[in-house]
Amino acid sequence: MRRIILAIAFSVGLASGGAAQDAEIEANIAAQIQAFKVDDFVTAFTFASPNIQNIFRTPENFGAMVRNGYPMVWRPSEVRFLELREVAGALWQKVMIVDGDGRAHILDYQMIQLESGWKINGVQLLGNSDPSA
């Protein structure tokens, strides 16, 4: 009986740790999107991984890339977090973003954990705008 209780307690602990991780990742992405909404590219840049920061060098360059390449992220009308999954050792958060014209876009955010917390290490626009995909 003792082993069963310990196994249940351990399982609950793992589940709550996973939920905290999910919440941290979602909060990171949401905060970056919120910064984009008010054109605060300096803050938005802080949520990017060092690799992304090295590629774009400045918050202004990063902001220009988002405005031109991901306008739905820059000015979303709705953001909905879908599943978080592990692919080949990397964590990917799928996000549905509805743009100002009402079109749904599914994006995949690759997340990495650093000592300072979760960072966005890349975003890819998926071809299918069906949230169940």
Protein backbone atom coordinates (compact mmCIF):
# COMPACT_ATOMS: atom_id res chain seq x y z
CA MET A 1 0.00 0.00 0.00
CA ARG A 2 2.84 2.34 0.87
CA ARG A 3 4.39 1.84 -2.56
CA ILE A 4 1.11 2.65 -4.28
CA ILE A 5 0.77 5.89 -2.32
CA LEU A 6 4.37 6.83 -3.13
CA ALA A 7 3.82 6.04 -6.82
CA ILE A 8 0.69 8.19 -6.90
CA ALA A 9 2.44 11.06 -5.10
CA PHE A 10 5.36 10.83 -7.53
CA SER A 11 3.01 10.84 -10.54
CA VAL A 12 1.12 13.86 -9.24
CA GLY A 13 4.42 15.65 -8.68
CA LEU A 14 5.50 14.97 -12.26
CA ALA A 15 2.16 16.15 -13.64
CA SER A 16 2.24 19.40 -11.67
CA GLY A 17 5.85 20.00 -12.78
CA GLY A 18 4.74 19.55 -16.38
CA ALA A 19 1.84 21.95 -15.89
CA ALA A 20 4.20 24.56 -14.45
CA GLN A 21 6.51 24.11 -17.44
CA ASP A 22 3.56 24.51 -19.82
CA ALA A 23 2.45 27.67 -18.01
CA GLU A 24 5.94 29.17 -18.12
CA ILE A 25 6.29 28.48 -21.83
CA GLU A 26 2.86 29.92 -22.61
CA ALA A 27 3.57 32.99 -20.47
CA ASN A 28 6.85 33.57 -22.31
CA ILE A 29 5.22 33.42 -25.75
CA ALA A 30 2.24 35.51 -24.63
CA ALA A 31 4.52 38.19 -23.16
CA GLN A 32 6.49 38.41 -26.39
CA ILE A 33 3.29 38.74 -28.43
CA GLN A 34 2.04 41.42 -26.03
CA ALA A 35 5.30 43.35 -26.52
CA PHE A 36 4.87 43.10 -30.31
CA LYS A 37 1.32 44.49 -30.03
CA VAL A 38 2.69 47.74 -28.57
CA ASP A 39 5.79 47.84 -30.81
CA ASP A 40 8.08 47.22 -27.83
CA PHE A 41 10.70 45.34 -29.82
CA VAL A 42 13.31 45.76 -27.08
CA THR A 43 11.17 43.72 -24.67
CA ALA A 44 10.10 41.25 -27.37
CA PHE A 45 13.78 40.65 -28.16
CA THR A 46 14.45 39.57 -24.55
CA PHE A 47 12.21 36.50 -25.03
CA ALA A 48 14.33 35.28 -27.96
CA SER A 49 17.14 32.80 -27.43
CA PRO A 50 20.76 33.91 -27.73
CA ASN A 51 20.90 32.20 -31.15
CA ILE A 52 18.00 34.31 -32.44
CA GLN A 53 19.48 37.44 -30.88
CA ASN A 54 22.80 36.75 -32.61
CA ILE A 55 21.08 36.33 -35.97
CA PHE A 56 19.16 39.63 -35.80
CA ARG A 57 21.69 41.57 -33.69
CA THR A 58 19.26 44.38 -32.70
CA PRO A 59 15.66 44.63 -31.50
CA GLU A 60 14.92 46.85 -34.51
CA ASN A 61 16.08 44.18 -36.98
CA PHE A 62 14.10 41.58 -35.07
CA GLY A 63 10.99 43.77 -35.10
CA ALA A 64 11.29 44.38 -38.83
CA MET A 65 11.50 40.64 -39.45
CA VAL A 66 8.36 40.01 -37.39
CA ARG A 67 6.38 42.86 -39.01
CA ASN A 68 7.29 41.65 -42.49
CA GLY A 69 7.45 37.88 -42.03
CA TYR A 70 4.94 37.21 -39.25
CA PRO A 71 2.36 40.02 -39.35
CA MET A 72 -0.17 37.80 -37.58
CA VAL A 73 2.17 37.66 -34.57
CA TRP A 74 2.74 41.41 -34.67
CA ARG A 75 -0.99 42.25 -34.72
CA PRO A 76 -3.02 39.22 -33.62
CA SER A 77 -6.70 39.44 -32.82
CA GLU A 78 -6.68 36.12 -30.95
CA VAL A 79 -4.03 33.78 -29.56
CA ARG A 80 -4.79 30.23 -28.45
CA PHE A 81 -2.24 27.78 -27.10
CA LEU A 82 -2.57 24.26 -28.43
CA GLU A 83 -0.39 21.30 -27.51
CA LEU A 84 3.16 21.32 -26.21
CA ARG A 85 5.15 18.37 -27.44
CA GLU A 86 8.64 16.99 -27.56
CA VAL A 87 10.16 16.31 -30.98
CA ALA A 88 13.67 14.86 -31.20
CA GLY A 89 14.50 16.20 -27.76
CA ALA A 90 13.21 19.73 -28.42
CA LEU A 91 10.02 21.23 -26.97
CA TRP A 92 7.58 22.72 -29.48
CA GLN A 93 4.54 24.77 -28.50
CA LYS A 94 1.83 24.89 -31.14
CA VAL A 95 -0.09 28.19 -31.16
CA MET A 96 -3.12 29.26 -33.18
CA ILE A 97 -3.11 32.96 -34.00
CA VAL A 98 -6.02 34.68 -35.68
CA ASP A 99 -5.02 37.76 -37.66
CA GLY A 100 -6.98 41.00 -38.04
CA ASP A 101 -8.79 39.61 -41.10
CA GLY A 102 -10.05 36.60 -39.15
CA ARG A 103 -7.69 34.07 -40.74
CA ALA A 104 -6.27 31.39 -38.45
CA HIS A 105 -2.57 30.58 -38.57
CA ILE A 106 -0.87 27.71 -36.78
CA LEU A 107 2.66 28.40 -35.61
CA ASP A 108 5.17 26.16 -33.91
CA TYR A 109 7.46 27.77 -31.33
CA GLN A 110 10.64 25.90 -30.46
CA MET A 111 11.47 26.51 -26.82
CA ILE A 112 14.75 26.08 -24.96
CA GLN A 113 15.36 26.34 -21.27
CA LEU A 114 18.28 28.44 -20.09
CA GLU A 115 19.34 29.39 -16.57
CA SER A 116 17.36 32.61 -17.03
CA GLY A 117 14.19 30.71 -18.02
CA TRP A 118 12.45 29.63 -21.22
CA LYS A 119 13.41 31.32 -24.48
CA ILE A 120 11.99 31.14 -27.99
CA ASN A 121 14.52 29.50 -30.27
CA GLY A 122 12.57 29.70 -33.50
CA VAL A 123 9.09 29.90 -34.95
CA GLN A 124 7.74 28.18 -37.99
CA LEU A 125 4.46 28.81 -39.73
CA LEU A 126 2.71 25.53 -40.38
CA GLY A 127 0.90 25.13 -43.69
CA ASN A 128 -2.38 23.97 -42.20
CA SER A 129 -4.60 26.53 -40.50
CA ASP A 130 -6.79 23.83 -38.95
CA PRO A 131 -6.26 23.96 -35.15
CA SER A 132 -6.72 20.21 -34.85
CA ALA A 133 -3.81 19.52 -37.19
